[in-house]
PDB file of N, CA and C in Angstrom:
ATOM      1  N   MET A   1     -23.698 -56.597 -19.620  1.00  0.00           N
ATOM      2  CA  MET A   1     -22.279 -56.898 -19.609  1.00  0.00           C
ATOM      3  C   MET A   1     -21.963 -58.049 -18.659  1.00  0.00           C
ATOM      4  N   ALA A   2     -22.610 -58.117 -17.540  1.00  0.00           N
ATOM      5  CA  ALA A   2     -22.364 -59.185 -16.576  1.00  0.00           C
ATOM      6  C   ALA A   2     -22.767 -60.549 -17.148  1.00  0.00           C
ATOM      7  N   LEU A   3     -23.835 -60.578 -17.917  1.00  0.00           N
ATOM      8  CA  LEU A   3     -24.269 -61.833 -18.522  1.00  0.00           C
ATOM      9  C   LEU A   3     -23.209 -62.385 -19.471  1.00  0.00           C
ATOM     10  N   THR A   4     -22.553 -61.524 -20.229  1.00  0.00           N
ATOM     11  CA  THR A   4     -21.482 -61.957 -21.126  1.00  0.00           C
ATOM     12  C   THR A   4     -20.328 -62.551 -20.332  1.00  0.00           C
ATOM     13  N   GLU A   5     -19.983 -61.925 -19.226  1.00  0.00           N
ATOM     14  CA  GLU A   5     -18.888 -62.435 -18.397  1.00  0.00           C
ATOM     15  C   GLU A   5     -19.221 -63.805 -17.829  1.00  0.00           C
ATOM     16  N   ILE A   6     -20.455 -64.010 -17.394  1.00  0.00           N
ATOM     17  CA  ILE A   6     -20.854 -65.305 -16.852  1.00  0.00           C
ATOM     18  C   ILE A   6     -20.798 -66.369 -17.940  1.00  0.00           C
ATOM     19  N   SER A   7     -21.288 -66.043 -19.129  1.00  0.00           N
ATOM     20  CA  SER A   7     -21.258 -66.993 -20.237  1.00  0.00           C
ATOM     21  C   SER A   7     -19.831 -67.357 -20.604  1.00  0.00           C
ATOM     22  N   THR A   8     -18.934 -66.381 -20.623  1.00  0.00           N
ATOM     23  CA  THR A   8     -17.541 -66.641 -20.960  1.00  0.00           C
ATOM     24  C   THR A   8     -16.891 -67.534 -19.920  1.00  0.00           C
ATOM     25  N   ARG A   9     -17.153 -67.254 -18.668  1.00  0.00           N
ATOM     26  CA  ARG A   9     -16.573 -68.077 -17.595  1.00  0.00           C
ATOM     27  C   ARG A   9     -17.053 -69.516 -17.679  1.00  0.00           C
ATOM     28  N   ALA A  10     -18.321 -69.715 -17.953  1.00  0.00           N
ATOM     29  CA  ALA A  10     -18.859 -71.071 -18.053  1.00  0.00           C
ATOM     30  C   ALA A  10     -18.213 -71.825 -19.211  1.00  0.00           C
ATOM     31  N   THR A  11     -17.988 -71.147 -20.314  1.00  0.00           N
ATOM     32  CA  THR A  11     -17.358 -71.776 -21.470  1.00  0.00           C
ATOM     33  C   THR A  11     -15.911 -72.135 -21.167  1.00  0.00           C
ATOM     34  N   ILE A  12     -15.205 -71.239 -20.536  1.00  0.00           N
ATOM     35  CA  ILE A  12     -13.804 -71.491 -20.202  1.00  0.00           C
ATOM     36  C   ILE A  12     -13.688 -72.631 -19.197  1.00  0.00           C
ATOM     37  N   ALA A  13     -14.609 -72.693 -18.236  1.00  0.00           N
ATOM     38  CA  ALA A  13     -14.546 -73.726 -17.213  1.00  0.00           C
ATOM     39  C   ALA A  13     -14.712 -75.130 -17.809  1.00  0.00           C
ATOM     40  N   LYS A  14     -15.416 -75.256 -18.929  1.00  0.00           N
ATOM     41  CA  LYS A  14     -15.630 -76.569 -19.530  1.00  0.00           C
ATOM     42  C   LYS A  14     -14.415 -77.063 -20.307  1.00  0.00           C
ATOM     43  N   HIS A  15     -13.621 -76.165 -20.826  1.00  0.00           N
ATOM     44  CA  HIS A  15     -12.494 -76.564 -21.658  1.00  0.00           C
ATOM     45  C   HIS A  15     -11.441 -77.410 -20.948  1.00  0.00           C
ATOM     46  N   PRO A  16     -10.965 -77.067 -19.765  1.00  0.00           N
ATOM     47  CA  PRO A  16      -9.922 -77.875 -19.135  1.00  0.00           C
ATOM     48  C   PRO A  16     -10.356 -79.303 -18.821  1.00  0.00           C
ATOM     49  N   ARG A  17     -11.626 -79.522 -18.620  1.00  0.00           N
ATOM     50  CA  ARG A  17     -12.102 -80.863 -18.262  1.00  0.00           C
ATOM     51  C   ARG A  17     -12.184 -81.801 -19.458  1.00  0.00           C
ATOM     52  N   ALA A  18     -12.466 -81.271 -20.627  1.00  0.00           N
ATOM     53  CA  ALA A  18     -12.651 -82.117 -21.804  1.00  0.00           C
ATOM     54  C   ALA A  18     -11.404 -82.934 -22.144  1.00  0.00           C
ATOM     55  N   PRO A  19     -10.212 -82.341 -22.231  1.00  0.00           N
ATOM     56  CA  PRO A  19      -9.032 -83.158 -22.524  1.00  0.00           C
ATOM     57  C   PRO A  19      -8.741 -84.178 -21.427  1.00  0.00           C
ATOM     58  N   ARG A  20      -8.969 -83.794 -20.182  1.00  0.00           N
ATOM     59  CA  ARG A  20      -8.726 -84.721 -19.070  1.00  0.00           C
ATOM     60  C   ARG A  20      -9.647 -85.927 -19.166  1.00  0.00           C
ATOM     61  N   ARG A  21     -10.915 -85.679 -19.452  1.00  0.00           N
ATOM     62  CA  ARG A  21     -11.875 -86.772 -19.574  1.00  0.00           C
ATOM     63  C   ARG A  21     -11.495 -87.682 -20.734  1.00  0.00           C
ATOM     64  N   SER A  22     -11.045 -87.122 -21.834  1.00  0.00           N
ATOM     65  CA  SER A  22     -10.639 -87.918 -22.992  1.00  0.00           C
ATOM     66  C   SER A  22      -9.444 -88.799 -22.658  1.00  0.00           C
ATOM     67  N   ILE A  23      -8.494 -88.237 -21.951  1.00  0.00           N
ATOM     68  CA  ILE A  23      -7.312 -89.008 -21.564  1.00  0.00           C
ATOM     69  C   ILE A  23      -7.703 -90.134 -20.616  1.00  0.00           C
ATOM     70  N   LEU A  24      -8.566 -89.850 -19.666  1.00  0.00           N
ATOM     71  CA  LEU A  24      -9.010 -90.887 -18.738  1.00  0.00           C
ATOM     72  C   LEU A  24      -9.791 -91.983 -19.456  1.00  0.00           C
ATOM     73  N   THR A  25     -10.600 -91.607 -20.428  1.00  0.00           N
ATOM     74  CA  THR A  25     -11.347 -92.597 -21.214  1.00  0.00           C
ATOM     75  C   THR A  25     -10.383 -93.478 -22.005  1.00  0.00           C
ATOM     76  N   MET A  26      -9.401 -92.867 -22.653  1.00  0.00           N
ATOM     77  CA  MET A  26      -8.437 -93.649 -23.430  1.00  0.00           C
ATOM     78  C   MET A  26      -7.625 -94.579 -22.534  1.00  0.00           C
ATOM     79  N   LEU A  27      -7.278 -94.117 -21.334  1.00  0.00           N
ATOM     80  CA  LEU A  27      -6.548 -94.973 -20.403  1.00  0.00           C
ATOM     81  C   LEU A  27      -7.403 -96.162 -19.976  1.00  0.00           C
ATOM     82  N   ALA A  28      -8.679 -95.919 -19.712  1.00  0.00           N
ATOM     83  CA  ALA A  28      -9.585 -97.009 -19.341  1.00  0.00           C
ATOM     84  C   ALA A  28      -9.754 -98.005 -20.483  1.00  0.00           C
ATOM     85  N   VAL A  29      -9.852 -97.512 -21.701  1.00  0.00           N
ATOM     86  CA  VAL A  29      -9.967 -98.388 -22.871  1.00  0.00           C
ATOM     87  C   VAL A  29      -8.704 -99.230 -23.014  1.00  0.00           C
ATOM     88  N   TRP A  30      -7.553 -98.604 -22.864  1.00  0.00           N
ATOM     89  CA  TRP A  30      -6.278 -99.324 -22.969  1.00  0.00           C
ATOM     90  C   TRP A  30      -6.191-100.434 -21.927  1.00  0.00           C
ATOM     91  N   ARG A  31      -6.559-100.115 -20.688  1.00  0.00           N
ATOM     92  CA  ARG A  31      -6.519-101.127 -19.614  1.00  0.00           C
ATOM     93  C   ARG A  31      -7.490-102.274 -19.893  1.00  0.00           C
ATOM     94  N   SER A  32      -8.685-101.942 -20.338  1.00  0.00           N
ATOM     95  CA  SER A  32      -9.691-102.974 -20.614  1.00  0.00           C
ATOM     96  C   SER A  32      -9.248-103.905 -21.737  1.00  0.00           C
ATOM     97  N   ARG A  33      -8.717-103.314 -22.787  1.00  0.00           N
ATOM     98  CA  ARG A  33      -8.277-104.136 -23.917  1.00  0.00           C
ATOM     99  C   ARG A  33      -7.050-104.966 -23.564  1.00  0.00           C
ATOM    100  N   ARG A  34      -6.189-104.428 -22.746  1.00  0.00           N
ATOM    101  CA  ARG A  34      -5.020-105.195 -22.300  1.00  0.00           C
ATOM    102  C   ARG A  34      -5.462-106.385 -21.443  1.00  0.00           C
ATOM    103  N   ALA A  35      -6.432-106.147 -20.563  1.00  0.00           N
ATOM    104  CA  ALA A  35      -6.963-107.232 -19.726  1.00  0.00           C
ATOM    105  C   ALA A  35      -7.670-108.280 -20.574  1.00  0.00           C
ATOM    106  N   LEU A  36      -8.415-107.833 -21.579  1.00  0.00           N
ATOM    107  CA  LEU A  36      -9.104-108.758 -22.468  1.00  0.00           C
ATOM    108  C   LEU A  36      -8.108-109.650 -23.205  1.00  0.00           C
ATOM    109  N   ALA A  37      -7.010-109.072 -23.642  1.00  0.00           N
ATOM    110  CA  ALA A  37      -5.995-109.842 -24.367  1.00  0.00           C
ATOM    111  C   ALA A  37      -5.337-110.901 -23.488  1.00  0.00           C
ATOM    112  N   GLN A  38      -5.374-110.725 -22.194  1.00  0.00           N
ATOM    113  CA  GLN A  38      -4.706-111.655 -21.280  1.00  0.00           C
ATOM    114  C   GLN A  38      -5.625-112.750 -20.746  1.00  0.00           C
ATOM    115  N   LEU A  39      -6.897-112.715 -21.105  1.00  0.00           N
ATOM    116  CA  LEU A  39      -7.825-113.741 -20.620  1.00  0.00           C
ATOM    117  C   LEU A  39      -7.568-115.083 -21.293  1.00  0.00           C
ATOM    118  N   ASP A  40      -7.726-116.150 -20.519  1.00  0.00           N
ATOM    119  CA  ASP A  40      -7.560-117.487 -21.081  1.00  0.00           C
ATOM    120  C   ASP A  40      -8.877-117.917 -21.752  1.00  0.00           C
ATOM    121  N   PRO A  41      -8.840-118.993 -22.552  1.00  0.00           N
ATOM    122  CA  PRO A  41     -10.048-119.431 -23.281  1.00  0.00           C
ATOM    123  C   PRO A  41     -11.244-119.690 -22.371  1.00  0.00           C
ATOM    124  N   ARG A  42     -11.001-120.226 -21.183  1.00  0.00           N
ATOM    125  CA  ARG A  42     -12.105-120.504 -20.265  1.00  0.00           C
ATOM    126  C   ARG A  42     -12.783-119.209 -19.802  1.00  0.00           C
ATOM    127  N   ALA A  43     -11.985-118.202 -19.497  1.00  0.00           N
ATOM    128  CA  ALA A  43     -12.542-116.916 -19.075  1.00  0.00           C
ATOM    129  C   ALA A  43     -13.290-116.243 -20.236  1.00  0.00           C
ATOM    130  N   LEU A  44     -12.747-116.349 -21.426  1.00  0.00           N
ATOM    131  CA  LEU A  44     -13.432-115.797 -22.595  1.00  0.00           C
ATOM    132  C   LEU A  44     -14.773-116.485 -22.815  1.00  0.00           C
ATOM    133  N   ASP A  45     -14.798-117.795 -22.613  1.00  0.00           N
ATOM    134  CA  ASP A  45     -16.039-118.547 -22.750  1.00  0.00           C
ATOM    135  C   ASP A  45     -17.059-118.092 -21.704  1.00  0.00           C
ATOM    136  N   ASP A  46     -16.585-117.791 -20.497  1.00  0.00           N
ATOM    137  CA  ASP A  46     -17.472-117.308 -19.434  1.00  0.00           C
ATOM    138  C   ASP A  46     -18.153-115.997 -19.808  1.00  0.00           C
ATOM    139  N   ILE A  47     -17.461-115.128 -20.497  1.00  0.00           N
ATOM    140  CA  ILE A  47     -18.060-113.840 -20.868  1.00  0.00           C
ATOM    141  C   ILE A  47     -18.682-113.868 -22.267  1.00  0.00           C
ATOM    142  N   GLY A  48     -18.594-115.011 -22.931  1.00  0.00           N
ATOM    143  CA  GLY A  48     -19.251-115.185 -24.226  1.00  0.00           C
ATOM    144  C   GLY A  48     -18.535-114.517 -25.390  1.00  0.00           C
ATOM    145  N   VAL A  49     -17.215-114.502 -25.346  1.00  0.00           N
ATOM    146  CA  VAL A  49     -16.419-113.885 -26.401  1.00  0.00           C
ATOM    147  C   VAL A  49     -15.470-114.930 -26.977  1.00  0.00           C
ATOM    148  N   THR A  50     -15.383-114.993 -28.286  1.00  0.00           N
ATOM    149  CA  THR A  50     -14.442-115.918 -28.903  1.00  0.00           C
ATOM    150  C   THR A  50     -13.030-115.349 -28.823  1.00  0.00           C
ATOM    151  N   ALA A  51     -12.051-116.215 -28.941  1.00  0.00           N
ATOM    152  CA  ALA A  51     -10.654-115.781 -28.884  1.00  0.00           C
ATOM    153  C   ALA A  51     -10.316-114.839 -30.034  1.00  0.00           C
ATOM    154  N   SER A  52     -10.856-115.121 -31.210  1.00  0.00           N
ATOM    155  CA  SER A  52     -10.566-114.253 -32.353  1.00  0.00           C
ATOM    156  C   SER A  52     -11.203-112.866 -32.181  1.00  0.00           C
ATOM    157  N   ARG A  53     -12.414-112.824 -31.634  1.00  0.00           N
ATOM    158  CA  ARG A  53     -13.077-111.534 -31.395  1.00  0.00           C
ATOM    159  C   ARG A  53     -12.340-110.748 -30.309  1.00  0.00           C
ATOM    160  N   ALA A  54     -11.880-111.441 -29.278  1.00  0.00           N
ATOM    161  CA  ALA A  54     -11.121-110.781 -28.214  1.00  0.00           C
ATOM    162  C   ALA A  54      -9.806-110.217 -28.754  1.00  0.00           C
ATOM    163  N   ALA A  55      -9.148-110.982 -29.601  1.00  0.00           N
ATOM    164  CA  ALA A  55      -7.888-110.514 -30.190  1.00  0.00           C
ATOM    165  C   ALA A  55      -8.122-109.305 -31.089  1.00  0.00           C
ATOM    166  N   ALA A  56      -9.214-109.329 -31.846  1.00  0.00           N
ATOM    167  CA  ALA A  56      -9.531-108.194 -32.721  1.00  0.00           C
ATOM    168  C   ALA A  56      -9.827-106.942 -31.905  1.00  0.00           C
ATOM    169  N   GLU A  57     -10.562-107.090 -30.826  1.00  0.00           N
ATOM    170  CA  GLU A  57     -10.885-105.940 -29.965  1.00  0.00           C
ATOM    171  C   GLU A  57      -9.627-105.419 -29.271  1.00  0.00           C
ATOM    172  N   ALA A  58      -8.797-106.314 -28.797  1.00  0.00           N
ATOM    173  CA  ALA A  58      -7.575-105.906 -28.104  1.00  0.00           C
ATOM    174  C   ALA A  58      -6.579-105.221 -29.026  1.00  0.00           C
ATOM    175  N   ALA A  59      -6.647-105.525 -30.311  1.00  0.00           N
ATOM    176  CA  ALA A  59      -5.714-104.933 -31.276  1.00  0.00           C
ATOM    177  C   ALA A  59      -6.126-103.532 -31.736  1.00  0.00           C
ATOM    178  N   LYS A  60      -7.331-103.104 -31.410  1.00  0.00           N
ATOM    179  CA  LYS A  60      -7.799-101.782 -31.836  1.00  0.00           C
ATOM    180  C   LYS A  60      -7.007-100.684 -31.126  1.00  0.00           C
ATOM    181  N   PRO A  61      -6.815 -99.552 -31.787  1.00  0.00           N
ATOM    182  CA  PRO A  61      -6.146 -98.428 -31.131  1.00  0.00           C
ATOM    183  C   PRO A  61      -7.046 -97.816 -30.050  1.00  0.00           C
ATOM    184  N   ILE A  62      -6.436 -97.132 -29.098  1.00  0.00           N
ATOM    185  CA  ILE A  62      -7.202 -96.615 -27.957  1.00  0.00           C
ATOM    186  C   ILE A  62      -8.228 -95.563 -28.350  1.00  0.00           C
ATOM    187  N   TRP A  63      -8.051 -94.905 -29.473  1.00  0.00           N
ATOM    188  CA  TRP A  63      -9.020 -93.880 -29.874  1.00  0.00           C
ATOM    189  C   TRP A  63     -10.201 -94.465 -30.624  1.00  0.00           C
ATOM    190  N   ASP A  64     -10.169 -95.751 -30.927  1.00  0.00           N
ATOM    191  CA  ASP A  64     -11.273 -96.402 -31.639  1.00  0.00           C
ATOM    192  C   ASP A  64     -12.266 -96.931 -30.608  1.00  0.00           C
ATOM    193  N   VAL A  65     -13.192 -96.053 -30.197  1.00  0.00           N
ATOM    194  CA  VAL A  65     -14.216 -96.402 -29.217  1.00  0.00           C
ATOM    195  C   VAL A  65     -15.582 -95.981 -29.743  1.00  0.00           C
ATOM    196  N   PRO A  66     -16.651 -96.535 -29.191  1.00  0.00           N
ATOM    197  CA  PRO A  66     -17.987 -96.097 -29.616  1.00  0.00           C
ATOM    198  C   PRO A  66     -18.186 -94.600 -29.377  1.00  0.00           C
ATOM    199  N   THR A  67     -18.999 -93.986 -30.193  1.00  0.00           N
ATOM    200  CA  THR A  67     -19.236 -92.548 -30.110  1.00  0.00           C
ATOM    201  C   THR A  67     -19.757 -92.128 -28.746  1.00  0.00           C
ATOM    202  N   ASN A  68     -20.616 -92.929 -28.138  1.00  0.00           N
ATOM    203  CA  ASN A  68     -21.181 -92.535 -26.850  1.00  0.00           C
ATOM    204  C   ASN A  68     -20.156 -92.534 -25.711  1.00  0.00           C
ATOM    205  N   TRP A  69     -18.983 -93.099 -25.908  1.00  0.00           N
ATOM    206  CA  TRP A  69     -17.916 -93.050 -24.901  1.00  0.00           C
ATOM    207  C   TRP A  69     -17.159 -91.735 -24.967  1.00  0.00           C
ATOM    208  N   ARG A  70     -17.292 -91.008 -26.051  1.00  0.00           N
ATOM    209  CA  ARG A  70     -16.508 -89.788 -26.276  1.00  0.00           C
ATOM    210  C   ARG A  70     -17.185 -88.554 -25.716  1.00  0.00           C
ATOM    211  N   THR A  71     -17.557 -88.592 -24.465  1.00  0.00           N
ATOM    212  CA  THR A  71     -18.212 -87.439 -23.849  1.00  0.00           C
ATOM    213  C   THR A  71     -17.289 -86.690 -22.941  1.00  0.00           C
TER     214      THR A  71
END
C-alpha cells in the first residue's frame, strides 16, 4: 500500500510543473521571435539569417516550436 502512495505522489508532483514549463517556453519563444523581428539587416547578416527567413520565423505562432523544446 505504501508503494502505491509513493507512486501517486510522484505522479501528482510532476503535473503542476508541466504547464509552468510550457508557459515559460512559450514566453521565451515569443521574446526570441520578437527580438529577431527587430534586428537590422547588418545584425541579421552577422548571424547568417536572411531578412525573409527572419520575418518568416518571427511570424510563427508561439506554439510552433521544435518537438525537442516541448519538454
